[in-house]
Amino acid sequence: MDELDLIIHQPARLQIMAALCQLRGTAQVDFTFLKELLKLTDGNLGAHLATLEENDYVKVEKTFVGKRPKTYVSATATGKSAFTRHVAALQSILKVK
């Protein structure tokens, strides 16, 4: 049986990875969009993104739009691969009778 990824398995991080892995290619979303989509606080989302970024599952890019700071997030190839393996592990658990 495939093993669950304990970094991704936490519910908020699983939701983050599910949202980001739906993006095509190198597409990214901004922090505020992700926060509102997942109904997380700034601090909660920031902490989970930090964990995912430390493990090279997401890329966090901070920039400015005009004079306003803007943070963009995308899944890395490592993160997409880990998410695919995690989903496979979940599916194998569901198949066990």
N, C-alpha and C. Protein backbone atom coordinates (compact mmCIF):
# COMPACT_ATOMS: atom_id res chain seq x y z
N MET A 1 0.85 -1.18 0.00
CA MET A 1 0.00 0.00 0.00
C MET A 1 0.89 1.24 0.00
N ASP A 2 0.49 2.25 -0.76
CA ASP A 2 1.21 3.51 -0.79
C ASP A 2 1.11 4.19 0.57
N GLU A 3 2.12 4.98 0.91
CA GLU A 3 2.12 5.67 2.19
C GLU A 3 1.55 7.07 2.06
N LEU A 4 0.82 7.48 3.11
CA LEU A 4 0.31 8.85 3.15
C LEU A 4 1.46 9.81 3.38
N ASP A 5 1.36 10.98 2.80
CA ASP A 5 2.36 12.03 2.99
C ASP A 5 1.91 12.86 4.19
N LEU A 6 2.63 12.76 5.30
CA LEU A 6 2.21 13.43 6.53
C LEU A 6 2.27 14.95 6.43
N ILE A 7 3.05 15.47 5.51
CA ILE A 7 3.08 16.93 5.31
C ILE A 7 1.78 17.38 4.66
N ILE A 8 1.33 16.65 3.67
CA ILE A 8 0.10 17.01 2.94
C ILE A 8 -1.15 16.58 3.70
N HIS A 9 -1.06 15.54 4.49
CA HIS A 9 -2.25 14.92 5.09
C HIS A 9 -3.03 15.86 6.01
N GLN A 10 -2.39 16.83 6.61
CA GLN A 10 -3.09 17.77 7.48
C GLN A 10 -4.18 18.45 6.64
N PRO A 11 -5.43 18.54 7.15
CA PRO A 11 -6.56 19.01 6.32
C PRO A 11 -6.35 20.33 5.56
N ALA A 12 -5.84 21.36 6.21
CA ALA A 12 -5.66 22.64 5.51
C ALA A 12 -4.62 22.51 4.41
N ARG A 13 -3.53 21.78 4.68
CA ARG A 13 -2.50 21.63 3.65
C ARG A 13 -3.00 20.76 2.50
N LEU A 14 -3.83 19.79 2.81
CA LEU A 14 -4.44 18.97 1.75
C LEU A 14 -5.32 19.84 0.85
N GLN A 15 -6.08 20.74 1.44
CA GLN A 15 -6.92 21.65 0.66
C GLN A 15 -6.07 22.60 -0.18
N ILE A 16 -5.00 23.11 0.42
CA ILE A 16 -4.11 24.02 -0.32
C ILE A 16 -3.54 23.30 -1.54
N MET A 17 -3.00 22.09 -1.33
CA MET A 17 -2.39 21.36 -2.43
C MET A 17 -3.44 20.98 -3.48
N ALA A 18 -4.64 20.60 -3.05
CA ALA A 18 -5.69 20.26 -4.01
C ALA A 18 -6.03 21.47 -4.87
N ALA A 19 -6.11 22.64 -4.26
CA ALA A 19 -6.43 23.86 -5.02
C ALA A 19 -5.30 24.19 -5.99
N LEU A 20 -4.06 24.12 -5.51
CA LEU A 20 -2.93 24.51 -6.36
C LEU A 20 -2.64 23.51 -7.47
N CYS A 21 -2.88 22.23 -7.20
CA CYS A 21 -2.58 21.21 -8.22
C CYS A 21 -3.60 21.19 -9.35
N GLN A 22 -4.68 21.94 -9.19
CA GLN A 22 -5.65 22.07 -10.29
C GLN A 22 -5.20 23.09 -11.32
N LEU A 23 -4.26 23.93 -10.95
CA LEU A 23 -3.77 24.97 -11.87
C LEU A 23 -2.95 24.33 -12.98
N ARG A 24 -3.00 24.90 -14.13
CA ARG A 24 -2.25 24.38 -15.28
C ARG A 24 -0.87 25.00 -15.37
N GLY A 25 0.09 24.18 -15.72
CA GLY A 25 1.45 24.67 -15.96
C GLY A 25 2.03 25.38 -14.77
N THR A 26 2.50 26.59 -15.00
CA THR A 26 3.13 27.38 -13.94
C THR A 26 2.18 28.44 -13.38
N ALA A 27 0.89 28.24 -13.57
CA ALA A 27 -0.09 29.21 -13.07
C ALA A 27 0.02 29.33 -11.55
N GLN A 28 -0.34 30.49 -11.07
CA GLN A 28 -0.29 30.74 -9.63
C GLN A 28 -1.53 31.52 -9.21
N VAL A 29 -1.81 31.52 -7.91
CA VAL A 29 -2.92 32.29 -7.37
C VAL A 29 -2.38 33.23 -6.31
N ASP A 30 -3.13 34.29 -6.04
CA ASP A 30 -2.64 35.17 -5.00
C ASP A 30 -3.14 34.70 -3.63
N PHE A 31 -2.42 35.14 -2.62
CA PHE A 31 -2.65 34.73 -1.24
C PHE A 31 -4.10 34.98 -0.83
N THR A 32 -4.61 36.16 -1.14
CA THR A 32 -5.96 36.53 -0.74
C THR A 32 -7.01 35.61 -1.37
N PHE A 33 -6.83 35.28 -2.64
CA PHE A 33 -7.76 34.37 -3.31
C PHE A 33 -7.76 33.02 -2.60
N LEU A 34 -6.59 32.49 -2.29
CA LEU A 34 -6.47 31.19 -1.63
C LEU A 34 -7.07 31.25 -0.23
N LYS A 35 -6.81 32.32 0.48
CA LYS A 35 -7.34 32.50 1.83
C LYS A 35 -8.87 32.49 1.82
N GLU A 36 -9.46 33.22 0.89
CA GLU A 36 -10.91 33.29 0.81
C GLU A 36 -11.52 31.98 0.32
N LEU A 37 -10.86 31.34 -0.64
CA LEU A 37 -11.35 30.06 -1.17
C LEU A 37 -11.42 29.00 -0.06
N LEU A 38 -10.39 28.95 0.76
CA LEU A 38 -10.29 27.91 1.78
C LEU A 38 -10.81 28.35 3.14
N LYS A 39 -11.22 29.62 3.24
CA LYS A 39 -11.75 30.18 4.48
C LYS A 39 -10.77 30.01 5.65
N LEU A 40 -9.54 30.43 5.40
CA LEU A 40 -8.49 30.39 6.41
C LEU A 40 -8.12 31.81 6.80
N THR A 41 -7.53 31.98 7.98
CA THR A 41 -7.04 33.29 8.38
C THR A 41 -5.68 33.52 7.72
N ASP A 42 -5.24 34.77 7.73
CA ASP A 42 -3.92 35.10 7.19
C ASP A 42 -2.83 34.27 7.87
N GLY A 43 -2.87 34.24 9.21
CA GLY A 43 -1.85 33.52 9.96
C GLY A 43 -1.87 32.03 9.73
N ASN A 44 -3.08 31.47 9.67
CA ASN A 44 -3.21 30.03 9.45
C ASN A 44 -2.69 29.65 8.07
N LEU A 45 -3.12 30.37 7.04
CA LEU A 45 -2.65 30.08 5.69
C LEU A 45 -1.15 30.29 5.59
N GLY A 46 -0.66 31.37 6.17
CA GLY A 46 0.77 31.65 6.13
C GLY A 46 1.60 30.55 6.76
N ALA A 47 1.15 30.04 7.90
CA ALA A 47 1.87 28.96 8.59
C ALA A 47 1.89 27.69 7.76
N HIS A 48 0.75 27.34 7.17
CA HIS A 48 0.70 26.12 6.35
C HIS A 48 1.53 26.28 5.07
N LEU A 49 1.49 27.46 4.47
CA LEU A 49 2.31 27.69 3.29
C LEU A 49 3.80 27.60 3.63
N ALA A 50 4.17 28.09 4.81
CA ALA A 50 5.58 28.02 5.22
C ALA A 50 6.03 26.56 5.32
N THR A 51 5.19 25.71 5.89
CA THR A 51 5.52 24.27 5.99
C THR A 51 5.65 23.66 4.60
N LEU A 52 4.72 23.97 3.73
CA LEU A 52 4.77 23.43 2.37
C LEU A 52 5.97 23.96 1.61
N GLU A 53 6.30 25.23 1.81
CA GLU A 53 7.44 25.83 1.12
C GLU A 53 8.76 25.23 1.63
N GLU A 54 8.86 24.99 2.93
CA GLU A 54 10.07 24.39 3.51
C GLU A 54 10.35 23.01 2.92
N ASN A 55 9.29 22.34 2.50
CA ASN A 55 9.43 21.01 1.93
C ASN A 55 9.41 21.02 0.40
N ASP A 56 9.51 22.19 -0.19
CA ASP A 56 9.54 22.41 -1.64
C ASP A 56 8.27 21.90 -2.34
N TYR A 57 7.14 21.99 -1.65
CA TYR A 57 5.87 21.60 -2.25
C TYR A 57 5.18 22.77 -2.93
N VAL A 58 5.46 23.99 -2.44
CA VAL A 58 4.91 25.19 -3.06
C VAL A 58 6.00 26.23 -3.22
N LYS A 59 5.75 27.14 -4.13
CA LYS A 59 6.63 28.30 -4.33
C LYS A 59 5.82 29.52 -3.93
N VAL A 60 6.38 30.33 -3.05
CA VAL A 60 5.74 31.57 -2.62
C VAL A 60 6.56 32.71 -3.17
N GLU A 61 5.91 33.57 -3.94
CA GLU A 61 6.60 34.69 -4.59
C GLU A 61 5.97 35.99 -4.11
N LYS A 62 6.79 36.83 -3.49
CA LYS A 62 6.31 38.12 -2.98
C LYS A 62 6.77 39.22 -3.92
N THR A 63 5.83 40.08 -4.28
CA THR A 63 6.13 41.15 -5.22
C THR A 63 5.28 42.37 -4.85
N PHE A 64 5.32 43.38 -5.68
CA PHE A 64 4.49 44.56 -5.49
C PHE A 64 3.66 44.80 -6.74
N VAL A 65 2.43 45.18 -6.54
CA VAL A 65 1.58 45.64 -7.63
C VAL A 65 1.32 47.10 -7.30
N GLY A 66 1.96 47.96 -8.05
CA GLY A 66 1.97 49.37 -7.67
C GLY A 66 2.78 49.49 -6.39
N LYS A 67 2.18 50.05 -5.37
CA LYS A 67 2.86 50.17 -4.08
C LYS A 67 2.37 49.13 -3.08
N ARG A 68 1.50 48.24 -3.51
CA ARG A 68 0.93 47.25 -2.60
C ARG A 68 1.66 45.91 -2.72
N PRO A 69 1.97 45.32 -1.57
CA PRO A 69 2.60 44.00 -1.61
C PRO A 69 1.60 42.94 -2.08
N LYS A 70 2.08 42.00 -2.82
CA LYS A 70 1.23 40.92 -3.35
C LYS A 70 2.01 39.62 -3.23
N THR A 71 1.35 38.58 -2.75
CA THR A 71 1.98 37.27 -2.61
C THR A 71 1.28 36.29 -3.52
N TYR A 72 2.06 35.60 -4.33
CA TYR A 72 1.54 34.58 -5.24
C TYR A 72 2.05 33.21 -4.82
N VAL A 73 1.21 32.21 -5.02
CA VAL A 73 1.55 30.85 -4.60
C VAL A 73 1.29 29.89 -5.76
N SER A 74 2.18 28.92 -5.92
CA SER A 74 1.99 27.87 -6.93
C SER A 74 2.57 26.57 -6.40
N ALA A 75 2.10 25.46 -6.93
CA ALA A 75 2.63 24.15 -6.57
C ALA A 75 3.90 23.91 -7.39
N THR A 76 4.90 23.32 -6.76
CA THR A 76 6.12 22.95 -7.47
C THR A 76 5.95 21.56 -8.08
N ALA A 77 6.88 21.17 -8.92
CA ALA A 77 6.85 19.81 -9.48
C ALA A 77 6.92 18.78 -8.35
N THR A 78 7.75 19.04 -7.34
CA THR A 78 7.85 18.15 -6.19
C THR A 78 6.52 18.05 -5.47
N GLY A 79 5.86 19.19 -5.29
CA GLY A 79 4.57 19.23 -4.61
C GLY A 79 3.48 18.50 -5.39
N LYS A 80 3.47 18.70 -6.70
CA LYS A 80 2.47 18.02 -7.53
C LYS A 80 2.67 16.51 -7.48
N SER A 81 3.91 16.08 -7.52
CA SER A 81 4.22 14.65 -7.45
C SER A 81 3.82 14.08 -6.09
N ALA A 82 4.13 14.78 -5.02
CA ALA A 82 3.77 14.33 -3.68
C ALA A 82 2.25 14.26 -3.53
N PHE A 83 1.54 15.25 -4.08
CA PHE A 83 0.08 15.25 -4.00
C PHE A 83 -0.49 14.05 -4.76
N THR A 84 0.04 13.77 -5.94
CA THR A 84 -0.43 12.63 -6.73
C THR A 84 -0.23 11.32 -5.96
N ARG A 85 0.94 11.17 -5.32
CA ARG A 85 1.21 9.97 -4.52
C ARG A 85 0.28 9.88 -3.31
N HIS A 86 0.01 11.02 -2.69
CA HIS A 86 -0.88 11.04 -1.52
C HIS A 86 -2.30 10.63 -1.92
N VAL A 87 -2.77 11.16 -3.02
CA VAL A 87 -4.11 10.80 -3.50
C VAL A 87 -4.17 9.30 -3.82
N ALA A 88 -3.12 8.77 -4.42
CA ALA A 88 -3.06 7.33 -4.72
C ALA A 88 -3.11 6.52 -3.43
N ALA A 89 -2.42 6.98 -2.40
CA ALA A 89 -2.45 6.28 -1.11
C ALA A 89 -3.85 6.31 -0.51
N LEU A 90 -4.52 7.44 -0.59
CA LEU A 90 -5.90 7.53 -0.10
C LEU A 90 -6.82 6.58 -0.87
N GLN A 91 -6.64 6.56 -2.19
CA GLN A 91 -7.46 5.67 -3.01
C GLN A 91 -7.21 4.21 -2.68
N SER A 92 -5.97 3.85 -2.40
CA SER A 92 -5.68 2.44 -2.06
C SER A 92 -6.29 2.08 -0.72
N ILE A 93 -6.35 3.02 0.21
CA ILE A 93 -7.01 2.76 1.49
C ILE A 93 -8.50 2.53 1.27
N LEU A 94 -9.11 3.32 0.39
CA LEU A 94 -10.53 3.17 0.14
C LEU A 94 -10.87 1.86 -0.55
N LYS A 95 -9.92 1.29 -1.28
CA LYS A 95 -10.14 0.03 -1.99
C LYS A 95 -10.04 -1.19 -1.08
N VAL A 96 -9.38 -1.02 0.07
CA VAL A 96 -9.24 -2.14 1.01
C VAL A 96 -10.60 -2.47 1.59
N LYS A 97 -10.94 -3.77 1.55
CA LYS A 97 -12.27 -4.17 2.05
C LYS A 97 -12.16 -4.96 3.31
